[in-house]
Amino acid sequence: MAGAIVYVPIMVGAGWAIGYGLGDYIKPLRRAVGNIEHVALWIVFGAAAALLLWRAIRAARGRRS
């Protein structure tokens, strides 16, 4: 707990200072990252759905044998 009392305020303060100092540069980057996040989310969702479908097909074939 003592470590968190020291560590958390330092990290929050550093993040705030960087965000405040680079605010004009971060706005366009934030828009680009937001778009990339949506694409990455759909890729992960599609991969998970494909994996579940593949495992269901494999399980169904295993039952037939």
PDB file of N, CA and C in Angstrom:
ATOM      1  N   MET A   1       0.825  -1.180   0.000  1.00  0.00           N
ATOM      2  CA  MET A   1       0.000   0.000   0.000  1.00  0.00           C
ATOM      3  C   MET A   1       0.876   1.253   0.000  1.00  0.00           C
ATOM      4  N   ALA A   2       1.964   1.177   0.709  1.00  0.00           N
ATOM      5  CA  ALA A   2       2.857   2.337   0.750  1.00  0.00           C
ATOM      6  C   ALA A   2       3.416   2.628  -0.640  1.00  0.00           C
ATOM      7  N   GLY A   3       3.732   1.565  -1.382  1.00  0.00           N
ATOM      8  CA  GLY A   3       4.237   1.759  -2.737  1.00  0.00           C
ATOM      9  C   GLY A   3       3.203   2.412  -3.641  1.00  0.00           C
ATOM     10  N   ALA A   4       1.933   1.999  -3.498  1.00  0.00           N
ATOM     11  CA  ALA A   4       0.863   2.581  -4.310  1.00  0.00           C
ATOM     12  C   ALA A   4       0.648   4.043  -3.963  1.00  0.00           C
ATOM     13  N   ILE A   5       0.799   4.393  -2.705  1.00  0.00           N
ATOM     14  CA  ILE A   5       0.628   5.787  -2.277  1.00  0.00           C
ATOM     15  C   ILE A   5       1.655   6.680  -2.965  1.00  0.00           C
ATOM     16  N   VAL A   6       2.838   6.158  -3.203  1.00  0.00           N
ATOM     17  CA  VAL A   6       3.875   6.937  -3.879  1.00  0.00           C
ATOM     18  C   VAL A   6       3.748   6.810  -5.400  1.00  0.00           C
ATOM     19  N   TYR A   7       3.545   5.602  -5.884  1.00  0.00           N
ATOM     20  CA  TYR A   7       3.587   5.323  -7.319  1.00  0.00           C
ATOM     21  C   TYR A   7       2.419   5.943  -8.084  1.00  0.00           C
ATOM     22  N   VAL A   8       1.220   5.798  -7.584  1.00  0.00           N
ATOM     23  CA  VAL A   8       0.030   6.263  -8.315  1.00  0.00           C
ATOM     24  C   VAL A   8       0.053   7.776  -8.551  1.00  0.00           C
ATOM     25  N   PRO A   9       0.278   8.588  -7.546  1.00  0.00           N
ATOM     26  CA  PRO A   9       0.307  10.037  -7.832  1.00  0.00           C
ATOM     27  C   PRO A   9       1.412  10.447  -8.809  1.00  0.00           C
ATOM     28  N   ILE A  10       2.541   9.764  -8.757  1.00  0.00           N
ATOM     29  CA  ILE A  10       3.629  10.090  -9.682  1.00  0.00           C
ATOM     30  C   ILE A  10       3.214   9.765 -11.118  1.00  0.00           C
ATOM     31  N   MET A  11       2.637   8.595 -11.332  1.00  0.00           N
ATOM     32  CA  MET A  11       2.230   8.198 -12.680  1.00  0.00           C
ATOM     33  C   MET A  11       1.074   9.052 -13.198  1.00  0.00           C
ATOM     34  N   VAL A  12       0.112   9.354 -12.346  1.00  0.00           N
ATOM     35  CA  VAL A  12      -1.006  10.210 -12.757  1.00  0.00           C
ATOM     36  C   VAL A  12      -0.494  11.607 -13.079  1.00  0.00           C
ATOM     37  N   GLY A  13       0.376  12.118 -12.262  1.00  0.00           N
ATOM     38  CA  GLY A  13       0.953  13.439 -12.510  1.00  0.00           C
ATOM     39  C   GLY A  13       1.768  13.479 -13.791  1.00  0.00           C
ATOM     40  N   ALA A  14       2.545  12.437 -14.045  1.00  0.00           N
ATOM     41  CA  ALA A  14       3.336  12.383 -15.274  1.00  0.00           C
ATOM     42  C   ALA A  14       2.414  12.309 -16.491  1.00  0.00           C
ATOM     43  N   GLY A  15       1.377  11.498 -16.412  1.00  0.00           N
ATOM     44  CA  GLY A  15       0.424  11.414 -17.518  1.00  0.00           C
ATOM     45  C   GLY A  15      -0.277  12.724 -17.771  1.00  0.00           C
ATOM     46  N   TRP A  16      -0.669  13.393 -16.706  1.00  0.00           N
ATOM     47  CA  TRP A  16      -1.335  14.692 -16.849  1.00  0.00           C
ATOM     48  C   TRP A  16      -0.382  15.714 -17.458  1.00  0.00           C
ATOM     49  N   ALA A  17       0.868  15.726 -16.999  1.00  0.00           N
ATOM     50  CA  ALA A  17       1.849  16.694 -17.505  1.00  0.00           C
ATOM     51  C   ALA A  17       2.134  16.458 -18.986  1.00  0.00           C
ATOM     52  N   ILE A  18       2.279  15.217 -19.373  1.00  0.00           N
ATOM     53  CA  ILE A  18       2.530  14.911 -20.785  1.00  0.00           C
ATOM     54  C   ILE A  18       1.315  15.296 -21.629  1.00  0.00           C
ATOM     55  N   GLY A  19       0.123  14.943 -21.155  1.00  0.00           N
ATOM     56  CA  GLY A  19      -1.096  15.297 -21.882  1.00  0.00           C
ATOM     57  C   GLY A  19      -1.290  16.796 -21.994  1.00  0.00           C
ATOM     58  N   TYR A  20      -0.976  17.511 -20.936  1.00  0.00           N
ATOM     59  CA  TYR A  20      -1.127  18.968 -20.945  1.00  0.00           C
ATOM     60  C   TYR A  20      -0.098  19.610 -21.872  1.00  0.00           C
ATOM     61  N   GLY A  21       1.121  19.124 -21.843  1.00  0.00           N
ATOM     62  CA  GLY A  21       2.191  19.705 -22.650  1.00  0.00           C
ATOM     63  C   GLY A  21       2.071  19.376 -24.127  1.00  0.00           C
ATOM     64  N   LEU A  22       1.541  18.209 -24.436  1.00  0.00           N
ATOM     65  CA  LEU A  22       1.451  17.775 -25.832  1.00  0.00           C
ATOM     66  C   LEU A  22       0.018  17.764 -26.346  1.00  0.00           C
ATOM     67  N   GLY A  23      -0.863  18.490 -25.709  1.00  0.00           N
ATOM     68  CA  GLY A  23      -2.285  18.469 -26.046  1.00  0.00           C
ATOM     69  C   GLY A  23      -2.592  18.750 -27.503  1.00  0.00           C
ATOM     70  N   ASP A  24      -1.914  19.736 -28.107  1.00  0.00           N
ATOM     71  CA  ASP A  24      -2.171  20.083 -29.508  1.00  0.00           C
ATOM     72  C   ASP A  24      -1.736  18.980 -30.459  1.00  0.00           C
ATOM     73  N   TYR A  25      -0.711  18.236 -30.073  1.00  0.00           N
ATOM     74  CA  TYR A  25      -0.217  17.160 -30.928  1.00  0.00           C
ATOM     75  C   TYR A  25      -1.006  15.865 -30.727  1.00  0.00           C
ATOM     76  N   ILE A  26      -1.614  15.723 -29.572  1.00  0.00           N
ATOM     77  CA  ILE A  26      -2.303  14.480 -29.244  1.00  0.00           C
ATOM     78  C   ILE A  26      -3.693  14.417 -29.866  1.00  0.00           C
ATOM     79  N   LYS A  27      -4.331  15.549 -30.099  1.00  0.00           N
ATOM     80  CA  LYS A  27      -5.694  15.535 -30.658  1.00  0.00           C
ATOM     81  C   LYS A  27      -5.782  14.783 -31.983  1.00  0.00           C
ATOM     82  N   PRO A  28      -4.929  15.071 -32.988  1.00  0.00           N
ATOM     83  CA  PRO A  28      -5.003  14.282 -34.233  1.00  0.00           C
ATOM     84  C   PRO A  28      -4.635  12.811 -34.011  1.00  0.00           C
ATOM     85  N   LEU A  29      -3.686  12.576 -33.125  1.00  0.00           N
ATOM     86  CA  LEU A  29      -3.288  11.210 -32.814  1.00  0.00           C
ATOM     87  C   LEU A  29      -4.428  10.451 -32.152  1.00  0.00           C
ATOM     88  N   ARG A  30      -5.165  11.120 -31.294  1.00  0.00           N
ATOM     89  CA  ARG A  30      -6.299  10.490 -30.609  1.00  0.00           C
ATOM     90  C   ARG A  30      -7.369  10.070 -31.616  1.00  0.00           C
ATOM     91  N   ARG A  31      -7.613  10.891 -32.644  1.00  0.00           N
ATOM     92  CA  ARG A  31      -8.582  10.526 -33.682  1.00  0.00           C
ATOM     93  C   ARG A  31      -8.113   9.299 -34.450  1.00  0.00           C
ATOM     94  N   ALA A  32      -6.836   9.259 -34.804  1.00  0.00           N
ATOM     95  CA  ALA A  32      -6.290   8.128 -35.555  1.00  0.00           C
ATOM     96  C   ALA A  32      -6.327   6.853 -34.719  1.00  0.00           C
ATOM     97  N   VAL A  33      -5.953   6.954 -33.463  1.00  0.00           N
ATOM     98  CA  VAL A  33      -5.950   5.779 -32.584  1.00  0.00           C
ATOM     99  C   VAL A  33      -7.372   5.297 -32.357  1.00  0.00           C
ATOM    100  N   GLY A  34      -8.312   6.190 -32.261  1.00  0.00           N
ATOM    101  CA  GLY A  34      -9.705   5.800 -32.085  1.00  0.00           C
ATOM    102  C   GLY A  34     -10.191   4.961 -33.250  1.00  0.00           C
ATOM    103  N   ASN A  35      -9.816   5.353 -34.473  1.00  0.00           N
ATOM    104  CA  ASN A  35     -10.190   4.576 -35.650  1.00  0.00           C
ATOM    105  C   ASN A  35      -9.509   3.214 -35.650  1.00  0.00           C
ATOM    106  N   ILE A  36      -8.249   3.190 -35.263  1.00  0.00           N
ATOM    107  CA  ILE A  36      -7.506   1.931 -35.209  1.00  0.00           C
ATOM    108  C   ILE A  36      -8.104   1.012 -34.148  1.00  0.00           C
ATOM    109  N   GLU A  37      -8.551   1.571 -33.029  1.00  0.00           N
ATOM    110  CA  GLU A  37      -9.175   0.771 -31.977  1.00  0.00           C
ATOM    111  C   GLU A  37     -10.412   0.060 -32.500  1.00  0.00           C
ATOM    112  N   HIS A  38     -11.227   0.750 -33.286  1.00  0.00           N
ATOM    113  CA  HIS A  38     -12.445   0.135 -33.816  1.00  0.00           C
ATOM    114  C   HIS A  38     -12.099  -1.006 -34.772  1.00  0.00           C
ATOM    115  N   VAL A  39     -11.111  -0.786 -35.616  1.00  0.00           N
ATOM    116  CA  VAL A  39     -10.697  -1.827 -36.554  1.00  0.00           C
ATOM    117  C   VAL A  39     -10.144  -3.030 -35.787  1.00  0.00           C
ATOM    118  N   ALA A  40      -9.302  -2.769 -34.793  1.00  0.00           N
ATOM    119  CA  ALA A  40      -8.724  -3.858 -34.007  1.00  0.00           C
ATOM    120  C   ALA A  40      -9.811  -4.623 -33.255  1.00  0.00           C
ATOM    121  N   LEU A  41     -10.812  -3.917 -32.752  1.00  0.00           N
ATOM    122  CA  LEU A  41     -11.910  -4.581 -32.053  1.00  0.00           C
ATOM    123  C   LEU A  41     -12.656  -5.523 -32.986  1.00  0.00           C
ATOM    124  N   TRP A  42     -12.937  -5.089 -34.213  1.00  0.00           N
ATOM    125  CA  TRP A  42     -13.635  -5.948 -35.179  1.00  0.00           C
ATOM    126  C   TRP A  42     -12.769  -7.132 -35.595  1.00  0.00           C
ATOM    127  N   ILE A  43     -11.474  -6.930 -35.700  1.00  0.00           N
ATOM    128  CA  ILE A  43     -10.577  -8.041 -36.035  1.00  0.00           C
ATOM    129  C   ILE A  43     -10.575  -9.078 -34.922  1.00  0.00           C
ATOM    130  N   VAL A  44     -10.480  -8.623 -33.684  1.00  0.00           N
ATOM    131  CA  VAL A  44     -10.496  -9.555 -32.548  1.00  0.00           C
ATOM    132  C   VAL A  44     -11.839 -10.262 -32.467  1.00  0.00           C
ATOM    133  N   PHE A  45     -12.929  -9.545 -32.669  1.00  0.00           N
ATOM    134  CA  PHE A  45     -14.263 -10.147 -32.640  1.00  0.00           C
ATOM    135  C   PHE A  45     -14.398 -11.202 -33.733  1.00  0.00           C
ATOM    136  N   GLY A  46     -13.939 -10.891 -34.939  1.00  0.00           N
ATOM    137  CA  GLY A  46     -13.998 -11.840 -36.048  1.00  0.00           C
ATOM    138  C   GLY A  46     -13.141 -13.071 -35.787  1.00  0.00           C
ATOM    139  N   ALA A  47     -11.944 -12.874 -35.236  1.00  0.00           N
ATOM    140  CA  ALA A  47     -11.070 -14.009 -34.935  1.00  0.00           C
ATOM    141  C   ALA A  47     -11.688 -14.905 -33.869  1.00  0.00           C
ATOM    142  N   ALA A  48     -12.298 -14.314 -32.850  1.00  0.00           N
ATOM    143  CA  ALA A  48     -12.946 -15.103 -31.804  1.00  0.00           C
ATOM    144  C   ALA A  48     -14.133 -15.880 -32.369  1.00  0.00           C
ATOM    145  N   ALA A  49     -14.921 -15.251 -33.228  1.00  0.00           N
ATOM    146  CA  ALA A  49     -16.058 -15.934 -33.841  1.00  0.00           C
ATOM    147  C   ALA A  49     -15.581 -17.076 -34.739  1.00  0.00           C
ATOM    148  N   ALA A  50     -14.525 -16.854 -35.503  1.00  0.00           N
ATOM    149  CA  ALA A  50     -13.980 -17.900 -36.373  1.00  0.00           C
ATOM    150  C   ALA A  50     -13.449 -19.065 -35.541  1.00  0.00           C
ATOM    151  N   LEU A  51     -12.776 -18.768 -34.444  1.00  0.00           N
ATOM    152  CA  LEU A  51     -12.266 -19.818 -33.569  1.00  0.00           C
ATOM    153  C   LEU A  51     -13.402 -20.643 -32.968  1.00  0.00           C
ATOM    154  N   LEU A  52     -14.438 -19.974 -32.499  1.00  0.00           N
ATOM    155  CA  LEU A  52     -15.583 -20.698 -31.931  1.00  0.00           C
ATOM    156  C   LEU A  52     -16.274 -21.550 -32.985  1.00  0.00           C
ATOM    157  N   LEU A  53     -16.429 -21.026 -34.180  1.00  0.00           N
ATOM    158  CA  LEU A  53     -17.042 -21.786 -35.256  1.00  0.00           C
ATOM    159  C   LEU A  53     -16.193 -22.995 -35.620  1.00  0.00           C
ATOM    160  N   TRP A  54     -14.896 -22.815 -35.719  1.00  0.00           N
ATOM    161  CA  TRP A  54     -13.981 -23.910 -36.049  1.00  0.00           C
ATOM    162  C   TRP A  54     -14.045 -25.002 -34.986  1.00  0.00           C
ATOM    163  N   ARG A  55     -14.056 -24.609 -33.702  1.00  0.00           N
ATOM    164  CA  ARG A  55     -14.122 -25.602 -32.625  1.00  0.00           C
ATOM    165  C   ARG A  55     -15.463 -26.321 -32.614  1.00  0.00           C
ATOM    166  N   ALA A  56     -16.552 -25.624 -32.942  1.00  0.00           N
ATOM    167  CA  ALA A  56     -17.866 -26.265 -32.989  1.00  0.00           C
ATOM    168  C   ALA A  56     -17.919 -27.276 -34.127  1.00  0.00           C
ATOM    169  N   ILE A  57     -17.362 -26.918 -35.271  1.00  0.00           N
ATOM    170  CA  ILE A  57     -17.337 -27.846 -36.410  1.00  0.00           C
ATOM    171  C   ILE A  57     -16.479 -29.064 -36.072  1.00  0.00           C
ATOM    172  N   ARG A  58     -15.339 -28.834 -35.465  1.00  0.00           N
ATOM    173  CA  ARG A  58     -14.458 -29.932 -35.084  1.00  0.00           C
ATOM    174  C   ARG A  58     -15.125 -30.854 -34.071  1.00  0.00           C
ATOM    175  N   ALA A  59     -15.839 -30.286 -33.116  1.00  0.00           N
ATOM    176  CA  ALA A  59     -16.553 -31.096 -32.109  1.00  0.00           C
ATOM    177  C   ALA A  59     -17.663 -31.900 -32.764  1.00  0.00           C
ATOM    178  N   ALA A  60     -18.375 -31.300 -33.707  1.00  0.00           N
ATOM    179  CA  ALA A  60     -19.464 -32.016 -34.392  1.00  0.00           C
ATOM    180  C   ALA A  60     -18.910 -33.162 -35.233  1.00  0.00           C
ATOM    181  N   ARG A  61     -17.790 -32.986 -35.868  1.00  0.00           N
ATOM    182  CA  ARG A  61     -17.174 -34.061 -36.654  1.00  0.00           C
ATOM    183  C   ARG A  61     -16.689 -35.173 -35.745  1.00  0.00           C
ATOM    184  N   GLY A  62     -16.217 -34.812 -34.559  1.00  0.00           N
ATOM    185  CA  GLY A  62     -15.733 -35.812 -33.602  1.00  0.00           C
ATOM    186  C   GLY A  62     -16.863 -36.692 -33.090  1.00  0.00           C
ATOM    187  N   ARG A  63     -18.042 -36.158 -32.945  1.00  0.00           N
ATOM    188  CA  ARG A  63     -19.196 -36.930 -32.472  1.00  0.00           C
ATOM    189  C   ARG A  63     -19.702 -37.918 -33.519  1.00  0.00           C
ATOM    190  N   ARG A  64     -19.540 -37.580 -34.784  1.00  0.00           N
ATOM    191  CA  ARG A  64     -20.018 -38.442 -35.857  1.00  0.00           C
ATOM    192  C   ARG A  64     -19.165 -39.711 -35.988  1.00  0.00           C
ATOM    193  N   SER A  65     -17.893 -39.604 -35.656  1.00  0.00           N
ATOM    194  CA  SER A  65     -16.982 -40.750 -35.829  1.00  0.00           C
ATOM    195  C   SER A  65     -17.231 -41.870 -34.857  1.00  0.00           C
TER     196      SER A  65
END
